[in-house]
């Protein structure tokens, strides 16, 4: 899940794996696989950064404890 901010300032979380695409025209629009859309305050590059960070967190392994 990634945290985003609606235009009205309300924060919400969305499943990053459900994002189909992100557009910036000029507002940032996030479209999910079910075609639901959100206009968010974050710029497209920031949304992409959060998606990548989420993916890395899923694939990282904690260090082994001795």
PDB file of N, CA and C in Angstrom:
ATOM      1  N   UNK A   1       0.837  -1.169   0.000  1.00  0.00           N
ATOM      2  CA  UNK A   1       0.000   0.000   0.000  1.00  0.00           C
ATOM      3  C   UNK A   1       0.891   1.246   0.000  1.00  0.00           C
ATOM      4  N   UNK A   2       0.442   2.272  -0.716  1.00  0.00           N
ATOM      5  CA  UNK A   2       1.154   3.547  -0.692  1.00  0.00           C
ATOM      6  C   UNK A   2       0.174   4.631  -0.246  1.00  0.00           C
ATOM      7  N   UNK A   3       0.697   5.643   0.439  1.00  0.00           N
ATOM      8  CA  UNK A   3      -0.121   6.746   0.930  1.00  0.00           C
ATOM      9  C   UNK A   3      -0.078   7.874  -0.095  1.00  0.00           C
ATOM     10  N   UNK A   4      -1.261   8.396  -0.429  1.00  0.00           N
ATOM     11  CA  UNK A   4      -1.390   9.519  -1.348  1.00  0.00           C
ATOM     12  C   UNK A   4      -2.321  10.557  -0.729  1.00  0.00           C
ATOM     13  N   UNK A   5      -2.381  11.741  -1.349  1.00  0.00           N
ATOM     14  CA  UNK A   5      -3.197  12.830  -0.830  1.00  0.00           C
ATOM     15  C   UNK A   5      -4.157  13.321  -1.904  1.00  0.00           C
ATOM     16  N   UNK A   6      -5.439  13.307  -1.578  1.00  0.00           N
ATOM     17  CA  UNK A   6      -6.440  13.848  -2.505  1.00  0.00           C
ATOM     18  C   UNK A   6      -6.260  15.367  -2.617  1.00  0.00           C
ATOM     19  N   UNK A   7      -6.841  15.962  -3.628  1.00  0.00           N
ATOM     20  CA  UNK A   7      -6.756  17.405  -3.847  1.00  0.00           C
ATOM     21  C   UNK A   7      -7.272  18.185  -2.628  1.00  0.00           C
ATOM     22  N   UNK A   8      -8.265  17.640  -1.925  1.00  0.00           N
ATOM     23  CA  UNK A   8      -8.829  18.329  -0.761  1.00  0.00           C
ATOM     24  C   UNK A   8      -7.971  18.165   0.501  1.00  0.00           C
ATOM     25  N   UNK A   9      -6.823  17.477   0.386  1.00  0.00           N
ATOM     26  CA  UNK A   9      -5.910  17.307   1.507  1.00  0.00           C
ATOM     27  C   UNK A   9      -6.099  16.019   2.287  1.00  0.00           C
ATOM     28  N   UNK A  10      -7.119  15.257   1.977  1.00  0.00           N
ATOM     29  CA  UNK A  10      -7.393  14.004   2.674  1.00  0.00           C
ATOM     30  C   UNK A  10      -6.392  12.924   2.235  1.00  0.00           C
ATOM     31  N   UNK A  11      -5.730  12.310   3.201  1.00  0.00           N
ATOM     32  CA  UNK A  11      -4.788  11.233   2.886  1.00  0.00           C
ATOM     33  C   UNK A  11      -5.546   9.914   2.790  1.00  0.00           C
ATOM     34  N   UNK A  12      -5.053   9.042   1.919  1.00  0.00           N
ATOM     35  CA  UNK A  12      -5.628   7.709   1.777  1.00  0.00           C
ATOM     36  C   UNK A  12      -4.525   6.767   1.307  1.00  0.00           C
ATOM     37  N   UNK A  13      -4.781   5.485   1.406  1.00  0.00           N
ATOM     38  CA  UNK A  13      -3.810   4.508   0.925  1.00  0.00           C
ATOM     39  C   UNK A  13      -4.437   3.703  -0.204  1.00  0.00           C
ATOM     40  N   UNK A  14      -3.609   3.293  -1.126  1.00  0.00           N
ATOM     41  CA  UNK A  14      -4.067   2.516  -2.266  1.00  0.00           C
ATOM     42  C   UNK A  14      -3.094   1.361  -2.479  1.00  0.00           C
ATOM     43  N   UNK A  15      -3.611   0.245  -2.926  1.00  0.00           N
ATOM     44  CA  UNK A  15      -2.786  -0.903  -3.233  1.00  0.00           C
ATOM     45  C   UNK A  15      -2.000  -0.596  -4.511  1.00  0.00           C
ATOM     46  N   UNK A  16      -0.694  -0.467  -4.384  1.00  0.00           N
ATOM     47  CA  UNK A  16       0.152  -0.094  -5.525  1.00  0.00           C
ATOM     48  C   UNK A  16       0.074  -1.117  -6.653  1.00  0.00           C
ATOM     49  N   UNK A  17      -0.234  -2.360  -6.317  1.00  0.00           N
ATOM     50  CA  UNK A  17      -0.323  -3.401  -7.343  1.00  0.00           C
ATOM     51  C   UNK A  17      -1.594  -3.277  -8.182  1.00  0.00           C
ATOM     52  N   UNK A  18      -2.532  -2.455  -7.747  1.00  0.00           N
ATOM     53  CA  UNK A  18      -3.774  -2.253  -8.488  1.00  0.00           C
ATOM     54  C   UNK A  18      -3.720  -1.038  -9.416  1.00  0.00           C
ATOM     55  N   UNK A  19      -2.600  -0.319  -9.405  1.00  0.00           N
ATOM     56  CA  UNK A  19      -2.482   0.874 -10.257  1.00  0.00           C
ATOM     57  C   UNK A  19      -2.184   0.440 -11.689  1.00  0.00           C
ATOM     58  N   UNK A  20      -3.031   0.886 -12.601  1.00  0.00           N
ATOM     59  CA  UNK A  20      -2.831   0.583 -14.022  1.00  0.00           C
ATOM     60  C   UNK A  20      -1.919   1.610 -14.661  1.00  0.00           C
ATOM     61  N   UNK A  21      -2.188   2.902 -14.402  1.00  0.00           N
ATOM     62  CA  UNK A  21      -1.304   3.944 -14.912  1.00  0.00           C
ATOM     63  C   UNK A  21      -1.489   5.242 -14.146  1.00  0.00           C
ATOM     64  N   UNK A  22      -0.498   6.133 -14.329  1.00  0.00           N
ATOM     65  CA  UNK A  22      -0.480   7.437 -13.679  1.00  0.00           C
ATOM     66  C   UNK A  22      -0.261   8.475 -14.769  1.00  0.00           C
ATOM     67  N   UNK A  23      -1.076   9.537 -14.749  1.00  0.00           N
ATOM     68  CA  UNK A  23      -0.961  10.610 -15.735  1.00  0.00           C
ATOM     69  C   UNK A  23      -0.781  11.940 -15.019  1.00  0.00           C
ATOM     70  N   UNK A  24      -0.206  12.898 -15.717  1.00  0.00           N
ATOM     71  CA  UNK A  24      -0.079  14.251 -15.188  1.00  0.00           C
ATOM     72  C   UNK A  24      -0.550  15.204 -16.283  1.00  0.00           C
ATOM     73  N   UNK A  25      -1.759  15.810 -16.095  1.00  0.00           N
ATOM     74  CA  UNK A  25      -2.321  16.646 -17.160  1.00  0.00           C
ATOM     75  C   UNK A  25      -3.126  17.833 -16.698  1.00  0.00           C
ATOM     76  N   UNK A  26      -2.727  18.825 -16.054  1.00  0.00           N
ATOM     77  CA  UNK A  26      -1.534  18.981 -15.225  1.00  0.00           C
ATOM     78  C   UNK A  26      -1.678  18.311 -13.865  1.00  0.00           C
ATOM     79  N   UNK A  27      -2.950  18.049 -13.401  1.00  0.00           N
ATOM     80  CA  UNK A  27      -3.110  17.326 -12.141  1.00  0.00           C
ATOM     81  C   UNK A  27      -2.680  15.873 -12.328  1.00  0.00           C
ATOM     82  N   UNK A  28      -2.262  15.252 -11.251  1.00  0.00           N
ATOM     83  CA  UNK A  28      -1.855  13.845 -11.306  1.00  0.00           C
ATOM     84  C   UNK A  28      -3.086  12.981 -11.114  1.00  0.00           C
ATOM     85  N   UNK A  29      -3.318  12.092 -12.063  1.00  0.00           N
ATOM     86  CA  UNK A  29      -4.469  11.192 -12.040  1.00  0.00           C
ATOM     87  C   UNK A  29      -3.948   9.764 -11.960  1.00  0.00           C
ATOM     88  N   UNK A  30      -4.417   9.037 -10.941  1.00  0.00           N
ATOM     89  CA  UNK A  30      -4.054   7.636 -10.757  1.00  0.00           C
ATOM     90  C   UNK A  30      -5.261   6.801 -11.168  1.00  0.00           C
ATOM     91  N   UNK A  31      -5.064   5.878 -12.106  1.00  0.00           N
ATOM     92  CA  UNK A  31      -6.143   5.011 -12.565  1.00  0.00           C
ATOM     93  C   UNK A  31      -5.833   3.584 -12.139  1.00  0.00           C
ATOM     94  N   UNK A  32      -6.823   2.956 -11.502  1.00  0.00           N
ATOM     95  CA  UNK A  32      -6.663   1.577 -11.040  1.00  0.00           C
ATOM     96  C   UNK A  32      -7.106   0.597 -12.124  1.00  0.00           C
ATOM     97  N   UNK A  33      -6.811  -0.676 -11.913  1.00  0.00           N
ATOM     98  CA  UNK A  33      -7.189  -1.712 -12.868  1.00  0.00           C
ATOM     99  C   UNK A  33      -8.701  -1.794 -13.074  1.00  0.00           C
ATOM    100  N   UNK A  34      -9.480  -1.418 -12.045  1.00  0.00           N
ATOM    101  CA  UNK A  34     -10.937  -1.442 -12.163  1.00  0.00           C
ATOM    102  C   UNK A  34     -11.495  -0.145 -12.767  1.00  0.00           C
ATOM    103  N   UNK A  35     -10.590   0.698 -13.274  1.00  0.00           N
ATOM    104  CA  UNK A  35     -10.916   1.975 -13.941  1.00  0.00           C
ATOM    105  C   UNK A  35     -11.290   3.088 -12.968  1.00  0.00           C
ATOM    106  N   UNK A  36     -11.251   2.844 -11.659  1.00  0.00           N
ATOM    107  CA  UNK A  36     -11.485   3.906 -10.680  1.00  0.00           C
ATOM    108  C   UNK A  36     -10.331   4.899 -10.776  1.00  0.00           C
ATOM    109  N   UNK A  37     -10.639   6.200 -10.656  1.00  0.00           N
ATOM    110  CA  UNK A  37      -9.613   7.239 -10.801  1.00  0.00           C
ATOM    111  C   UNK A  37      -9.560   8.118  -9.570  1.00  0.00           C
ATOM    112  N   UNK A  38      -8.348   8.596  -9.270  1.00  0.00           N
ATOM    113  CA  UNK A  38      -8.125   9.518  -8.161  1.00  0.00           C
ATOM    114  C   UNK A  38      -7.275  10.669  -8.666  1.00  0.00           C
ATOM    115  N   UNK A  39      -7.612  11.879  -8.304  1.00  0.00           N
ATOM    116  CA  UNK A  39      -6.756  13.028  -8.560  1.00  0.00           C
ATOM    117  C   UNK A  39      -6.010  13.285  -7.258  1.00  0.00           C
ATOM    118  N   UNK A  40      -4.686  13.333  -7.334  1.00  0.00           N
ATOM    119  CA  UNK A  40      -3.873  13.464  -6.128  1.00  0.00           C
ATOM    120  C   UNK A  40      -2.955  14.681  -6.217  1.00  0.00           C
ATOM    121  N   UNK A  41      -2.505  15.140  -5.040  1.00  0.00           N
ATOM    122  CA  UNK A  41      -1.616  16.303  -4.972  1.00  0.00           C
ATOM    123  C   UNK A  41      -0.193  15.969  -5.417  1.00  0.00           C
ATOM    124  N   UNK A  42       0.242  14.736  -5.176  1.00  0.00           N
ATOM    125  CA  UNK A  42       1.613  14.359  -5.504  1.00  0.00           C
ATOM    126  C   UNK A  42       1.844  14.426  -7.010  1.00  0.00           C
ATOM    127  N   UNK A  43       3.053  14.803  -7.379  1.00  0.00           N
ATOM    128  CA  UNK A  43       3.440  14.793  -8.784  1.00  0.00           C
ATOM    129  C   UNK A  43       3.628  13.343  -9.241  1.00  0.00           C
ATOM    130  N   UNK A  44       3.541  13.121 -10.540  1.00  0.00           N
ATOM    131  CA  UNK A  44       3.664  11.783 -11.093  1.00  0.00           C
ATOM    132  C   UNK A  44       4.970  11.117 -10.660  1.00  0.00           C
ATOM    133  N   UNK A  45       6.083  11.843 -10.692  1.00  0.00           N
ATOM    134  CA  UNK A  45       7.370  11.264 -10.304  1.00  0.00           C
ATOM    135  C   UNK A  45       7.367  10.778  -8.858  1.00  0.00           C
ATOM    136  N   UNK A  46       6.669  11.493  -7.976  1.00  0.00           N
ATOM    137  CA  UNK A  46       6.588  11.083  -6.572  1.00  0.00           C
ATOM    138  C   UNK A  46       5.750   9.820  -6.425  1.00  0.00           C
ATOM    139  N   UNK A  47       4.646   9.721  -7.157  1.00  0.00           N
ATOM    140  CA  UNK A  47       3.823   8.507  -7.117  1.00  0.00           C
ATOM    141  C   UNK A  47       4.646   7.317  -7.608  1.00  0.00           C
ATOM    142  N   UNK A  48       5.378   7.501  -8.680  1.00  0.00           N
ATOM    143  CA  UNK A  48       6.226   6.426  -9.219  1.00  0.00           C
ATOM    144  C   UNK A  48       7.280   6.022  -8.199  1.00  0.00           C
ATOM    145  N   UNK A  49       7.894   7.015  -7.532  1.00  0.00           N
ATOM    146  CA  UNK A  49       8.903   6.707  -6.518  1.00  0.00           C
ATOM    147  C   UNK A  49       8.312   5.850  -5.400  1.00  0.00           C
ATOM    148  N   UNK A  50       7.113   6.181  -4.970  1.00  0.00           N
ATOM    149  CA  UNK A  50       6.461   5.420  -3.899  1.00  0.00           C
ATOM    150  C   UNK A  50       6.108   4.006  -4.338  1.00  0.00           C
ATOM    151  N   UNK A  51       5.683   3.864  -5.589  1.00  0.00           N
ATOM    152  CA  UNK A  51       5.375   2.533  -6.125  1.00  0.00           C
ATOM    153  C   UNK A  51       6.641   1.681  -6.158  1.00  0.00           C
ATOM    154  N   UNK A  52       7.738   2.249  -6.623  1.00  0.00           N
ATOM    155  CA  UNK A  52       9.009   1.526  -6.682  1.00  0.00           C
ATOM    156  C   UNK A  52       9.474   1.153  -5.279  1.00  0.00           C
ATOM    157  N   UNK A  53       9.375   2.097  -4.346  1.00  0.00           N
ATOM    158  CA  UNK A  53       9.774   1.838  -2.954  1.00  0.00           C
ATOM    159  C   UNK A  53       8.942   0.696  -2.358  1.00  0.00           C
ATOM    160  N   UNK A  54       7.658   0.695  -2.642  1.00  0.00           N
ATOM    161  CA  UNK A  54       6.765  -0.372  -2.178  1.00  0.00           C
ATOM    162  C   UNK A  54       7.211  -1.722  -2.750  1.00  0.00           C
ATOM    163  N   UNK A  55       7.489  -1.770  -4.052  1.00  0.00           N
ATOM    164  CA  UNK A  55       7.930  -3.008  -4.688  1.00  0.00           C
ATOM    165  C   UNK A  55       9.237  -3.519  -4.113  1.00  0.00           C
ATOM    166  N   UNK A  56      10.157  -2.618  -3.848  1.00  0.00           N
ATOM    167  CA  UNK A  56      11.439  -3.016  -3.253  1.00  0.00           C
ATOM    168  C   UNK A  56      11.238  -3.570  -1.847  1.00  0.00           C
ATOM    169  N   UNK A  57      10.352  -2.945  -1.084  1.00  0.00           N
ATOM    170  CA  UNK A  57      10.091  -3.409   0.284  1.00  0.00           C
ATOM    171  C   UNK A  57       9.508  -4.824   0.273  1.00  0.00           C
ATOM    172  N   UNK A  58       8.686  -5.129  -0.708  1.00  0.00           N
ATOM    173  CA  UNK A  58       8.112  -6.470  -0.810  1.00  0.00           C
ATOM    174  C   UNK A  58       9.165  -7.526  -1.113  1.00  0.00           C
ATOM    175  N   UNK A  59      10.171  -7.145  -1.860  1.00  0.00           N
ATOM    176  CA  UNK A  59      11.171  -8.095  -2.345  1.00  0.00           C
ATOM    177  C   UNK A  59      12.434  -8.131  -1.496  1.00  0.00           C
ATOM    178  N   UNK A  60      12.497  -7.324  -0.456  1.00  0.00           N
ATOM    179  CA  UNK A  60      13.702  -7.303   0.370  1.00  0.00           C
ATOM    180  C   UNK A  60      13.568  -8.323   1.495  1.00  0.00           C
ATOM    181  N   UNK A  61      14.674  -8.862   1.879  1.00  0.00           N
ATOM    182  CA  UNK A  61      14.709  -9.821   2.963  1.00  0.00           C
ATOM    183  C   UNK A  61      15.393  -9.199   4.161  1.00  0.00           C
ATOM    184  N   UNK A  62      14.845  -9.373   5.338  1.00  0.00           N
ATOM    185  CA  UNK A  62      15.526  -8.823   6.515  1.00  0.00           C
ATOM    186  C   UNK A  62      16.842  -9.538   6.738  1.00  0.00           C
ATOM    187  N   UNK A  63      17.811  -8.853   7.342  1.00  0.00           N
ATOM    188  CA  UNK A  63      19.102  -9.517   7.605  1.00  0.00           C
ATOM    189  C   UNK A  63      18.895 -10.700   8.537  1.00  0.00           C
ATOM    190  N   UNK A  64      19.705 -11.714   8.327  1.00  0.00           N
ATOM    191  CA  UNK A  64      19.615 -12.907   9.184  1.00  0.00           C
ATOM    192  C   UNK A  64      20.034 -12.561  10.601  1.00  0.00           C
ATOM    193  N   UNK A  65      19.330 -13.112  11.529  1.00  0.00           N
ATOM    194  CA  UNK A  65      19.696 -12.924  12.939  1.00  0.00           C
ATOM    195  C   UNK A  65      20.501 -14.114  13.393  1.00  0.00           C
ATOM    196  N   UNK A  66      21.588 -13.829  14.043  1.00  0.00           N
ATOM    197  CA  UNK A  66      22.457 -14.908  14.517  1.00  0.00           C
ATOM    198  C   UNK A  66      22.140 -15.302  15.926  1.00  0.00           C
TER     199      UNK A  66
END
